[in-house]
C-alpha atoms as a PDB file:
ATOM      1  CA  UNK A   1      14.327  -2.488  15.003  1.00  0.00           C
ATOM      2  CA  UNK A   2      12.284   0.609  15.731  1.00  0.00           C
ATOM      3  CA  UNK A   3      10.260   0.683  18.930  1.00  0.00           C
ATOM      4  CA  UNK A   4       6.476   0.858  18.882  1.00  0.00           C
ATOM      5  CA  UNK A   5       4.953   4.244  18.204  1.00  0.00           C
ATOM      6  CA  UNK A   6       3.114   6.575  15.907  1.00  0.00           C
ATOM      7  CA  UNK A   7       5.286   8.508  13.487  1.00  0.00           C
ATOM      8  CA  UNK A   8       3.656  11.297  11.422  1.00  0.00           C
ATOM      9  CA  UNK A   9       5.948  12.114   8.526  1.00  0.00           C
ATOM     10  CA  UNK A  10       5.793  13.685   5.103  1.00  0.00           C
ATOM     11  CA  UNK A  11       6.805  13.009   1.542  1.00  0.00           C
ATOM     12  CA  UNK A  12       5.520  13.259  -2.004  1.00  0.00           C
ATOM     13  CA  UNK A  13       5.615  11.100  -5.135  1.00  0.00           C
ATOM     14  CA  UNK A  14       8.153  11.352  -7.914  1.00  0.00           C
ATOM     15  CA  UNK A  15       7.204  11.417 -11.597  1.00  0.00           C
ATOM     16  CA  UNK A  16       7.586   8.267 -13.698  1.00  0.00           C
ATOM     17  CA  UNK A  17       6.776   7.149 -17.217  1.00  0.00           C
ATOM     18  CA  UNK A  18       4.364   4.287 -17.889  1.00  0.00           C
ATOM     19  CA  UNK A  19       3.988   2.087 -20.943  1.00  0.00           C
ATOM     20  CA  UNK A  20       1.142  -0.219 -21.896  1.00  0.00           C
ATOM     21  CA  UNK A  21       1.574  -3.841 -22.825  1.00  0.00           C
ATOM     22  CA  UNK A  22      -0.866  -6.595 -23.706  1.00  0.00           C
ATOM     23  CA  UNK A  23       1.278  -9.518 -22.561  1.00  0.00           C
ATOM     24  CA  UNK A  24      -0.513 -10.191 -19.295  1.00  0.00           C
ATOM     25  CA  UNK A  25      -4.087 -10.903 -18.285  1.00  0.00           C
ATOM     26  CA  UNK A  26      -5.877 -10.095 -15.042  1.00  0.00           C
ATOM     27  CA  UNK A  27      -9.068 -11.106 -13.216  1.00  0.00           C
ATOM     28  CA  UNK A  28     -12.299  -9.069 -13.182  1.00  0.00           C
ATOM     29  CA  UNK A  29     -12.206  -7.248  -9.813  1.00  0.00           C
ATOM     30  CA  UNK A  30      -9.208  -5.212 -10.961  1.00  0.00           C
ATOM     31  CA  UNK A  31      -9.316  -1.599 -12.000  1.00  0.00           C
ATOM     32  CA  UNK A  32      -6.273  -0.170 -13.647  1.00  0.00           C
ATOM     33  CA  UNK A  33      -5.856   2.977 -15.702  1.00  0.00           C
ATOM     34  CA  UNK A  34      -2.565   4.235 -17.066  1.00  0.00           C
ATOM     35  CA  UNK A  35      -1.191   6.739 -19.531  1.00  0.00           C
ATOM     36  CA  UNK A  36       0.748   5.547 -22.571  1.00  0.00           C
ATOM     37  CA  UNK A  37       4.148   7.009 -23.160  1.00  0.00           C
ATOM     38  CA  UNK A  38       4.184   8.850 -26.500  1.00  0.00           C
ATOM     39  CA  UNK A  39       5.411   7.313 -29.748  1.00  0.00           C
ATOM     40  CA  UNK A  40       6.734   4.081 -28.302  1.00  0.00           C
ATOM     41  CA  UNK A  41       4.562   1.270 -29.637  1.00  0.00           C
ATOM     42  CA  UNK A  42       5.520  -2.390 -29.644  1.00  0.00           C
ATOM     43  CA  UNK A  43       6.555  -4.126 -32.833  1.00  0.00           C
ATOM     44  CA  UNK A  44       3.494  -4.968 -34.859  1.00  0.00           C
ATOM     45  CA  UNK A  45       1.317  -2.758 -32.654  1.00  0.00           C
ATOM     46  CA  UNK A  46       0.122   0.801 -32.598  1.00  0.00           C
ATOM     47  CA  UNK A  47       1.304   3.250 -29.969  1.00  0.00           C
ATOM     48  CA  UNK A  48      -1.491   4.799 -27.910  1.00  0.00           C
ATOM     49  CA  UNK A  49      -1.490   8.590 -27.872  1.00  0.00           C
ATOM     50  CA  UNK A  50      -0.014  10.264 -24.807  1.00  0.00           C
ATOM     51  CA  UNK A  51      -2.630  11.081 -22.219  1.00  0.00           C
ATOM     52  CA  UNK A  52      -5.022   8.311 -23.265  1.00  0.00           C
ATOM     53  CA  UNK A  53      -6.423   6.373 -20.293  1.00  0.00           C
ATOM     54  CA  UNK A  54      -7.474   2.749 -20.500  1.00  0.00           C
ATOM     55  CA  UNK A  55      -9.517   0.670 -18.076  1.00  0.00           C
ATOM     56  CA  UNK A  56      -8.512  -2.946 -17.781  1.00  0.00           C
ATOM     57  CA  UNK A  57     -11.069  -5.609 -16.943  1.00  0.00           C
ATOM     58  CA  UNK A  58     -11.770  -9.164 -18.036  1.00  0.00           C
ATOM     59  CA  UNK A  59      -9.655 -10.139 -20.999  1.00  0.00           C
ATOM     60  CA  UNK A  60      -7.954  -6.766 -21.336  1.00  0.00           C
ATOM     61  CA  UNK A  61      -4.197  -6.184 -21.313  1.00  0.00           C
ATOM     62  CA  UNK A  62      -2.276  -5.263 -18.183  1.00  0.00           C
ATOM     63  CA  UNK A  63      -0.297  -1.990 -18.344  1.00  0.00           C
ATOM     64  CA  UNK A  64       3.348  -2.778 -17.662  1.00  0.00           C
ATOM     65  CA  UNK A  65       5.966  -0.451 -16.187  1.00  0.00           C
ATOM     66  CA  UNK A  66       8.889  -0.500 -18.622  1.00  0.00           C
ATOM     67  CA  UNK A  67      10.987   2.552 -17.862  1.00  0.00           C
ATOM     68  CA  UNK A  68       9.460   3.450 -14.512  1.00  0.00           C
ATOM     69  CA  UNK A  69      11.719   4.853 -11.825  1.00  0.00           C
ATOM     70  CA  UNK A  70      11.298   3.383  -8.359  1.00  0.00           C
ATOM     71  CA  UNK A  71      10.797   5.775  -5.470  1.00  0.00           C
ATOM     72  CA  UNK A  72      12.040   4.900  -1.989  1.00  0.00           C
ATOM     73  CA  UNK A  73       9.972   6.139   0.942  1.00  0.00           C
ATOM     74  CA  UNK A  74      11.855   8.686   3.024  1.00  0.00           C
ATOM     75  CA  UNK A  75      11.195   6.738   6.231  1.00  0.00           C
ATOM     76  CA  UNK A  76      13.398   3.945   4.895  1.00  0.00           C
ATOM     77  CA  UNK A  77      16.694   5.743   4.489  1.00  0.00           C
ATOM     78  CA  UNK A  78      17.913   5.282   8.097  1.00  0.00           C
ATOM     79  CA  UNK A  79      17.243   1.539   7.765  1.00  0.00           C
ATOM     80  CA  UNK A  80      18.918   1.373   4.345  1.00  0.00           C
ATOM     81  CA  UNK A  81      22.038   3.363   5.185  1.00  0.00           C
ATOM     82  CA  UNK A  82      22.463   2.060   8.761  1.00  0.00           C
ATOM     83  CA  UNK A  83      23.904  -1.374   7.806  1.00  0.00           C
ATOM     84  CA  UNK A  84      26.253   0.221   5.256  1.00  0.00           C
ATOM     85  CA  UNK A  85      28.483   1.736   7.959  1.00  0.00           C
ATOM     86  CA  UNK A  86      29.586  -1.584   9.516  1.00  0.00           C
ATOM     87  CA  UNK A  87      29.784  -3.106   6.035  1.00  0.00           C
ATOM     88  CA  UNK A  88      32.197  -0.361   4.937  1.00  0.00           C
ATOM     89  CA  UNK A  89      34.315  -0.736   8.100  1.00  0.00           C
ATOM     90  CA  UNK A  90      34.569  -4.492   7.693  1.00  0.00           C
ATOM     91  CA  UNK A  91      35.378  -4.205   3.995  1.00  0.00           C
ATOM     92  CA  UNK A  92      38.080  -1.618   4.732  1.00  0.00           C
ATOM     93  CA  UNK A  93      39.515  -3.782   7.505  1.00  0.00           C
ATOM     94  CA  UNK A  94      39.605  -6.751   5.190  1.00  0.00           C
ATOM     95  CA  UNK A  95      41.311  -4.787   2.443  1.00  0.00           C
ATOM     96  CA  UNK A  96      43.834  -3.282   4.852  1.00  0.00           C
ATOM     97  CA  UNK A  97      44.780  -6.468   6.657  1.00  0.00           C
ATOM     98  CA  UNK A  98      44.174  -9.000   3.923  1.00  0.00           C
ATOM     99  CA  UNK A  99      41.894 -10.971   6.207  1.00  0.00           C
ATOM    100  CA  UNK A 100      39.175 -12.656   4.208  1.00  0.00           C
ATOM    101  CA  UNK A 101      36.812 -13.101   7.175  1.00  0.00           C
ATOM    102  CA  UNK A 102      36.340  -9.339   7.487  1.00  0.00           C
ATOM    103  CA  UNK A 103      35.258  -9.036   3.864  1.00  0.00           C
ATOM    104  CA  UNK A 104      32.913 -12.020   4.236  1.00  0.00           C
ATOM    105  CA  UNK A 105      31.417 -10.512   7.410  1.00  0.00           C
ATOM    106  CA  UNK A 106      30.475  -7.388   5.453  1.00  0.00           C
ATOM    107  CA  UNK A 107      28.075  -9.298   3.190  1.00  0.00           C
ATOM    108  CA  UNK A 108      25.237  -9.833   5.723  1.00  0.00           C
ATOM    109  CA  UNK A 109      25.123  -6.093   6.346  1.00  0.00           C
ATOM    110  CA  UNK A 110      24.984  -5.436   2.607  1.00  0.00           C
ATOM    111  CA  UNK A 111      22.179  -8.008   2.252  1.00  0.00           C
ATOM    112  CA  UNK A 112      20.256  -6.336   5.093  1.00  0.00           C
ATOM    113  CA  UNK A 113      20.602  -2.950   3.396  1.00  0.00           C
ATOM    114  CA  UNK A 114      19.399  -4.431   0.102  1.00  0.00           C
ATOM    115  CA  UNK A 115      16.357  -5.924   1.841  1.00  0.00           C
ATOM    116  CA  UNK A 116      15.531  -2.559   3.426  1.00  0.00           C
ATOM    117  CA  UNK A 117      15.729  -1.012  -0.032  1.00  0.00           C
ATOM    118  CA  UNK A 118      13.187  -3.599  -1.210  1.00  0.00           C
ATOM    119  CA  UNK A 119      10.940  -3.133   1.805  1.00  0.00           C
ATOM    120  CA  UNK A 120      10.667   0.643   1.533  1.00  0.00           C
ATOM    121  CA  UNK A 121      10.094   0.700  -2.225  1.00  0.00           C
ATOM    122  CA  UNK A 122       7.227   2.919  -3.354  1.00  0.00           C
ATOM    123  CA  UNK A 123       6.241   2.078  -6.938  1.00  0.00           C
ATOM    124  CA  UNK A 124       4.133   4.433  -8.999  1.00  0.00           C
ATOM    125  CA  UNK A 125       0.606   3.136  -9.468  1.00  0.00           C
ATOM    126  CA  UNK A 126      -2.064   3.953 -12.044  1.00  0.00           C
ATOM    127  CA  UNK A 127      -4.059   6.076  -9.581  1.00  0.00           C
ATOM    128  CA  UNK A 128      -1.082   8.452  -9.363  1.00  0.00           C
ATOM    129  CA  UNK A 129      -1.498   9.375 -13.023  1.00  0.00           C
ATOM    130  CA  UNK A 130      -5.236   9.070 -13.693  1.00  0.00           C
ATOM    131  CA  UNK A 131      -8.073   9.865 -11.305  1.00  0.00           C
ATOM    132  CA  UNK A 132      -9.977   6.665 -10.419  1.00  0.00           C
ATOM    133  CA  UNK A 133     -13.722   6.471 -11.159  1.00  0.00           C
ATOM    134  CA  UNK A 134     -15.903   8.122  -8.500  1.00  0.00           C
ATOM    135  CA  UNK A 135     -17.649   4.914  -7.417  1.00  0.00           C
ATOM    136  CA  UNK A 136     -14.678   2.595  -6.868  1.00  0.00           C
ATOM    137  CA  UNK A 137     -12.927   1.794  -3.600  1.00  0.00           C
ATOM    138  CA  UNK A 138      -9.305   0.722  -4.074  1.00  0.00           C
ATOM    139  CA  UNK A 139      -7.150  -1.530  -1.965  1.00  0.00           C
ATOM    140  CA  UNK A 140      -5.135   0.552   0.527  1.00  0.00           C
ATOM    141  CA  UNK A 141      -2.165  -1.817   0.420  1.00  0.00           C
ATOM    142  CA  UNK A 142      -0.484  -4.719  -1.337  1.00  0.00           C
ATOM    143  CA  UNK A 143      -1.097  -8.131   0.193  1.00  0.00           C
ATOM    144  CA  UNK A 144      -3.554 -10.958   0.762  1.00  0.00           C
ATOM    145  CA  UNK A 145      -7.240 -10.484   1.600  1.00  0.00           C
ATOM    146  CA  UNK A 146      -7.914 -12.006   5.027  1.00  0.00           C
ATOM    147  CA  UNK A 147     -11.516 -10.853   5.507  1.00  0.00           C
ATOM    148  CA  UNK A 148     -14.123  -9.889   2.903  1.00  0.00           C
ATOM    149  CA  UNK A 149     -17.682  -9.536   4.119  1.00  0.00           C
ATOM    150  CA  UNK A 150     -19.109  -9.588   7.630  1.00  0.00           C
ATOM    151  CA  UNK A 151     -16.866  -7.790  10.151  1.00  0.00           C
ATOM    152  CA  UNK A 152     -14.901  -9.826  12.660  1.00  0.00           C
ATOM    153  CA  UNK A 153     -16.641  -9.903  16.014  1.00  0.00           C
ATOM    154  CA  UNK A 154     -16.147  -6.752  18.049  1.00  0.00           C
ATOM    155  CA  UNK A 155     -13.863  -4.921  15.625  1.00  0.00           C
ATOM    156  CA  UNK A 156     -16.300  -2.779  13.607  1.00  0.00           C
ATOM    157  CA  UNK A 157     -16.095   0.955  14.333  1.00  0.00           C
ATOM    158  CA  UNK A 158     -18.879   2.819  16.109  1.00  0.00           C
ATOM    159  CA  UNK A 159     -21.286   4.296  15.265  1.00  0.00           C
ATOM    160  CA  UNK A 160     -22.307   1.894  12.514  1.00  0.00           C
ATOM    161  CA  UNK A 161     -24.263   3.083   9.467  1.00  0.00           C
ATOM    162  CA  UNK A 162     -27.716   1.789   8.621  1.00  0.00           C
ATOM    163  CA  UNK A 163     -27.341  -1.860   7.688  1.00  0.00           C
ATOM    164  CA  UNK A 164     -23.999  -2.144   9.467  1.00  0.00           C
ATOM    165  CA  UNK A 165     -20.431  -2.374   8.171  1.00  0.00           C
ATOM    166  CA  UNK A 166     -18.671  -4.662   5.734  1.00  0.00           C
ATOM    167  CA  UNK A 167     -14.994  -5.396   6.316  1.00  0.00           C
ATOM    168  CA  UNK A 168     -12.076  -5.941   3.947  1.00  0.00           C
ATOM    169  CA  UNK A 169      -8.757  -6.756   5.621  1.00  0.00           C
ATOM    170  CA  UNK A 170      -5.430  -7.036   3.801  1.00  0.00           C
ATOM    171  CA  UNK A 171      -2.412  -8.791   5.326  1.00  0.00           C
ATOM    172  CA  UNK A 172       0.991  -7.433   4.274  1.00  0.00           C
ATOM    173  CA  UNK A 173       3.918  -9.844   4.361  1.00  0.00           C
ATOM    174  CA  UNK A 174       7.484  -8.632   4.860  1.00  0.00           C
ATOM    175  CA  UNK A 175       8.073  -8.658   1.094  1.00  0.00           C
ATOM    176  CA  UNK A 176       5.011  -6.601   0.122  1.00  0.00           C
ATOM    177  CA  UNK A 177       5.024  -2.868  -0.601  1.00  0.00           C
ATOM    178  CA  UNK A 178       4.232  -1.242   2.759  1.00  0.00           C
ATOM    179  CA  UNK A 179       3.260   2.229   1.553  1.00  0.00           C
ATOM    180  CA  UNK A 180      -0.416   2.741   2.380  1.00  0.00           C
ATOM    181  CA  UNK A 181      -2.949   4.480   0.148  1.00  0.00           C
ATOM    182  CA  UNK A 182      -6.366   5.965   0.804  1.00  0.00           C
ATOM    183  CA  UNK A 183      -9.074   3.530  -0.357  1.00  0.00           C
ATOM    184  CA  UNK A 184     -11.449   6.361  -1.210  1.00  0.00           C
ATOM    185  CA  UNK A 185     -11.574  10.127  -1.574  1.00  0.00           C
ATOM    186  CA  UNK A 186     -12.895  12.700   0.849  1.00  0.00           C
ATOM    187  CA  UNK A 187     -12.118  14.696   3.973  1.00  0.00           C
ATOM    188  CA  UNK A 188     -10.566  13.143   7.057  1.00  0.00           C
ATOM    189  CA  UNK A 189     -13.191  13.880   9.729  1.00  0.00           C
ATOM    190  CA  UNK A 190     -11.759  11.768  12.544  1.00  0.00           C
ATOM    191  CA  UNK A 191      -8.307  10.413  13.361  1.00  0.00           C
ATOM    192  CA  UNK A 192      -7.242   8.314  16.337  1.00  0.00           C
ATOM    193  CA  UNK A 193      -4.248   6.310  17.514  1.00  0.00           C
ATOM    194  CA  UNK A 194      -4.325   3.466  20.040  1.00  0.00           C
ATOM    195  CA  UNK A 195      -1.243   1.780  21.525  1.00  0.00           C
ATOM    196  CA  UNK A 196      -1.468  -1.970  21.888  1.00  0.00           C
ATOM    197  CA  UNK A 197       0.165  -5.352  21.425  1.00  0.00           C
ATOM    198  CA  UNK A 198       2.244  -6.687  18.533  1.00  0.00           C
ATOM    199  CA  UNK A 199       0.542  -9.978  17.743  1.00  0.00           C
ATOM    200  CA  UNK A 200       0.982 -11.548  14.306  1.00  0.00           C
ATOM    201  CA  UNK A 201      -1.216  -9.460  11.995  1.00  0.00           C
ATOM    202  CA  UNK A 202      -2.855 -12.523  10.411  1.00  0.00           C
ATOM    203  CA  UNK A 203      -4.330 -13.602  13.768  1.00  0.00           C
ATOM    204  CA  UNK A 204      -7.970 -12.609  14.340  1.00  0.00           C
ATOM    205  CA  UNK A 205      -7.283 -11.183  17.803  1.00  0.00           C
ATOM    206  CA  UNK A 206      -4.787  -8.706  16.367  1.00  0.00           C
ATOM    207  CA  UNK A 207      -7.751  -6.585  15.238  1.00  0.00           C
ATOM    208  CA  UNK A 208      -8.702  -6.138  18.910  1.00  0.00           C
ATOM    209  CA  UNK A 209      -5.354  -5.940  20.651  1.00  0.00           C
ATOM    210  CA  UNK A 210      -2.699  -4.570  18.300  1.00  0.00           C
ATOM    211  CA  UNK A 211      -1.444  -1.022  18.034  1.00  0.00           C
ATOM    212  CA  UNK A 212      -3.376   0.850  15.368  1.00  0.00           C
ATOM    213  CA  UNK A 213      -4.231   4.137  13.698  1.00  0.00           C
ATOM    214  CA  UNK A 214      -7.802   4.777  12.510  1.00  0.00           C
ATOM    215  CA  UNK A 215      -9.105   7.315   9.989  1.00  0.00           C
ATOM    216  CA  UNK A 216     -12.698   8.245   9.107  1.00  0.00           C
ATOM    217  CA  UNK A 217     -13.104   9.609   5.588  1.00  0.00           C
ATOM    218  CA  UNK A 218     -16.262  11.347   4.403  1.00  0.00           C
ATOM    219  CA  UNK A 219     -17.353  12.451   0.937  1.00  0.00           C
ATOM    220  CA  UNK A 220     -20.889  13.802   0.960  1.00  0.00           C
ATOM    221  CA  UNK A 221     -23.077  11.036   2.357  1.00  0.00           C
ATOM    222  CA  UNK A 222     -20.389   8.401   1.889  1.00  0.00           C
ATOM    223  CA  UNK A 223     -18.182   7.306   4.805  1.00  0.00           C
ATOM    224  CA  UNK A 224     -15.219   4.929   4.768  1.00  0.00           C
ATOM    225  CA  UNK A 225     -13.203   3.910   7.823  1.00  0.00           C
ATOM    226  CA  UNK A 226      -9.752   2.381   7.548  1.00  0.00           C
ATOM    227  CA  UNK A 227      -7.087   1.264  10.000  1.00  0.00           C
ATOM    228  CA  UNK A 228      -3.371   0.640   9.990  1.00  0.00           C
ATOM    229  CA  UNK A 229      -2.531  -2.255  12.341  1.00  0.00           C
ATOM    230  CA  UNK A 230       1.006  -3.289  13.188  1.00  0.00           C
ATOM    231  CA  UNK A 231       2.048  -6.928  13.539  1.00  0.00           C
ATOM    232  CA  UNK A 232       4.669  -9.008  15.299  1.00  0.00           C
ATOM    233  CA  UNK A 233       7.490  -7.371  13.317  1.00  0.00           C
ATOM    234  CA  UNK A 234       5.880  -4.029  12.544  1.00  0.00           C
ATOM    235  CA  UNK A 235       6.689  -1.651  15.394  1.00  0.00           C
ATOM    236  CA  UNK A 236       5.894   1.764  14.026  1.00  0.00           C
ATOM    237  CA  UNK A 237       2.940   3.289  12.198  1.00  0.00           C
ATOM    238  CA  UNK A 238       3.524   6.300   9.971  1.00  0.00           C
ATOM    239  CA  UNK A 239       0.393   8.383   9.269  1.00  0.00           C
ATOM    240  CA  UNK A 240       0.887  11.476   7.135  1.00  0.00           C
ATOM    241  CA  UNK A 241      -2.550  12.987   7.260  1.00  0.00           C
ATOM    242  CA  UNK A 242      -4.997  14.302   9.834  1.00  0.00           C
ATOM    243  CA  UNK A 243      -8.407  15.810  10.505  1.00  0.00           C
ATOM    244  CA  UNK A 244      -9.378  18.437   7.938  1.00  0.00           C
ATOM    245  CA  UNK A 245      -7.108  17.082   5.199  1.00  0.00           C
ATOM    246  CA  UNK A 246      -8.579  15.859   1.916  1.00  0.00           C
ATOM    247  CA  UNK A 247      -7.374  12.627   0.376  1.00  0.00           C
ATOM    248  CA  UNK A 248      -7.803  11.432  -3.186  1.00  0.00           C
ATOM    249  CA  UNK A 249      -8.625   7.809  -3.988  1.00  0.00           C
ATOM    250  CA  UNK A 250      -5.321   5.936  -3.979  1.00  0.00           C
ATOM    251  CA  UNK A 251      -3.320   8.818  -2.508  1.00  0.00           C
ATOM    252  CA  UNK A 252      -0.365   7.868  -0.299  1.00  0.00           C
ATOM    253  CA  UNK A 253      -0.974   8.690   3.344  1.00  0.00           C
ATOM    254  CA  UNK A 254       1.528   6.598   5.312  1.00  0.00           C
ATOM    255  CA  UNK A 255       3.165   3.226   5.821  1.00  0.00           C
ATOM    256  CA  UNK A 256       3.745   0.515   8.408  1.00  0.00           C
ATOM    257  CA  UNK A 257       7.210  -0.826   9.098  1.00  0.00           C
ATOM    258  CA  UNK A 258       7.783  -4.569   8.807  1.00  0.00           C
ATOM    259  CA  UNK A 259       4.720  -6.756   8.335  1.00  0.00           C
ATOM    260  CA  UNK A 260       1.207  -5.575   9.184  1.00  0.00           C
ATOM    261  CA  UNK A 261      -2.425  -5.381   8.024  1.00  0.00           C
ATOM    262  CA  UNK A 262      -5.008  -2.850   6.921  1.00  0.00           C
ATOM    263  CA  UNK A 263      -8.729  -2.967   7.657  1.00  0.00           C
ATOM    264  CA  UNK A 264     -11.318  -1.114   5.573  1.00  0.00           C
ATOM    265  CA  UNK A 265     -14.935  -0.740   6.722  1.00  0.00           C
ATOM    266  CA  UNK A 266     -17.643   0.059   4.182  1.00  0.00           C
ATOM    267  CA  UNK A 267     -21.426   0.514   4.456  1.00  0.00           C
ATOM    268  CA  UNK A 268     -23.725  -2.338   3.422  1.00  0.00           C
ATOM    269  CA  UNK A 269     -24.711  -0.455   0.269  1.00  0.00           C
ATOM    270  CA  UNK A 270     -21.260  -1.075  -1.230  1.00  0.00           C
ATOM    271  CA  UNK A 271     -20.684  -4.172  -3.359  1.00  0.00           C
ATOM    272  CA  UNK A 272     -17.490  -6.006  -2.439  1.00  0.00           C
ATOM    273  CA  UNK A 273     -15.444  -7.179  -5.420  1.00  0.00           C
ATOM    274  CA  UNK A 274     -12.717  -9.209  -3.695  1.00  0.00           C
ATOM    275  CA  UNK A 275     -12.709 -12.542  -1.877  1.00  0.00           C
ATOM    276  CA  UNK A 276     -10.730 -14.064   0.954  1.00  0.00           C
ATOM    277  CA  UNK A 277      -7.365 -15.357  -0.207  1.00  0.00           C
ATOM    278  CA  UNK A 278      -7.101 -12.983  -3.165  1.00  0.00           C
ATOM    279  CA  UNK A 279      -3.916 -11.016  -3.831  1.00  0.00           C
ATOM    280  CA  UNK A 280      -4.453  -7.256  -4.149  1.00  0.00           C
ATOM    281  CA  UNK A 281      -2.329  -4.245  -5.054  1.00  0.00           C
ATOM    282  CA  UNK A 282      -2.604  -0.906  -3.308  1.00  0.00           C
ATOM    283  CA  UNK A 283      -4.048   1.851  -5.465  1.00  0.00           C
ATOM    284  CA  UNK A 284      -5.019  -0.546  -8.262  1.00  0.00           C
ATOM    285  CA  UNK A 285      -7.283  -3.415  -7.168  1.00  0.00           C
ATOM    286  CA  UNK A 286     -10.936  -2.487  -6.760  1.00  0.00           C
ATOM    287  CA  UNK A 287     -12.122  -3.944  -3.450  1.00  0.00           C
ATOM    288  CA  UNK A 288     -15.661  -2.479  -3.595  1.00  0.00           C
ATOM    289  CA  UNK A 289     -18.015  -0.294  -5.584  1.00  0.00           C
ATOM    290  CA  UNK A 290     -20.566   2.260  -4.470  1.00  0.00           C
ATOM    291  CA  UNK A 291     -23.997   2.245  -6.131  1.00  0.00           C
ATOM    292  CA  UNK A 292     -23.919   4.476  -9.192  1.00  0.00           C
ATOM    293  CA  UNK A 293     -25.078   7.990  -8.329  1.00  0.00           C
ATOM    294  CA  UNK A 294     -28.508   8.914  -9.684  1.00  0.00           C
END
């Protein structure tokens, strides 16, 4: 298990192909746009032209990844390949000596490597192919909404805007995608890192005491603050951006290793579109909306 620390690293997305399907339905507070792959319609249906975006809301079909390739975050390869070495040695020993126990002992290492492959997966999301609308704020991570509304006591960033902050917190379990995405677009105007404890990320006091990285993002008069907080198993934060860099809505900017949470702070003028207990997907679920410009 990696020790606690802040790990700036780099990496970019790979290209995938997306198809649209109308088999699934989704709830209102979800924004999803995707591009249809050309000339591949379903039986009895009509293929959408390549390059045609679609917004999915109440009663609309969910775009489904059919032939999408799955990217693995570069930070995961040491964890994926590490267990393979003892697995190979045990398998070779078992084959050479005929001892069954050696071959059986290799399986836990193979299972651990397979889990690491799952943990560090980085699926393509709709925001990677189509620019999100200017007034939406997207979830920065996959997981469960823990807080949606008034900030937890003592955790809101300072200075606060007029009317104060609203808070949306997302808890990531050990089976969720842990790649983090920018909830909104703009320039990073402030970045900070604070060492701390490793309490379970679903506990309220983790917002005060746990190790975290904080980014302030500004686009014109709009400011969004978001934090990466590690949990009892998460021991390293990876942040791949810094002051002066511009981020697009939904753009990858880092990850947290092994169970964690993300906090997003928005001005009172934003309308929250998620509720406590709701499942969200990074780069796809709309967690808030800004008032329409003009």
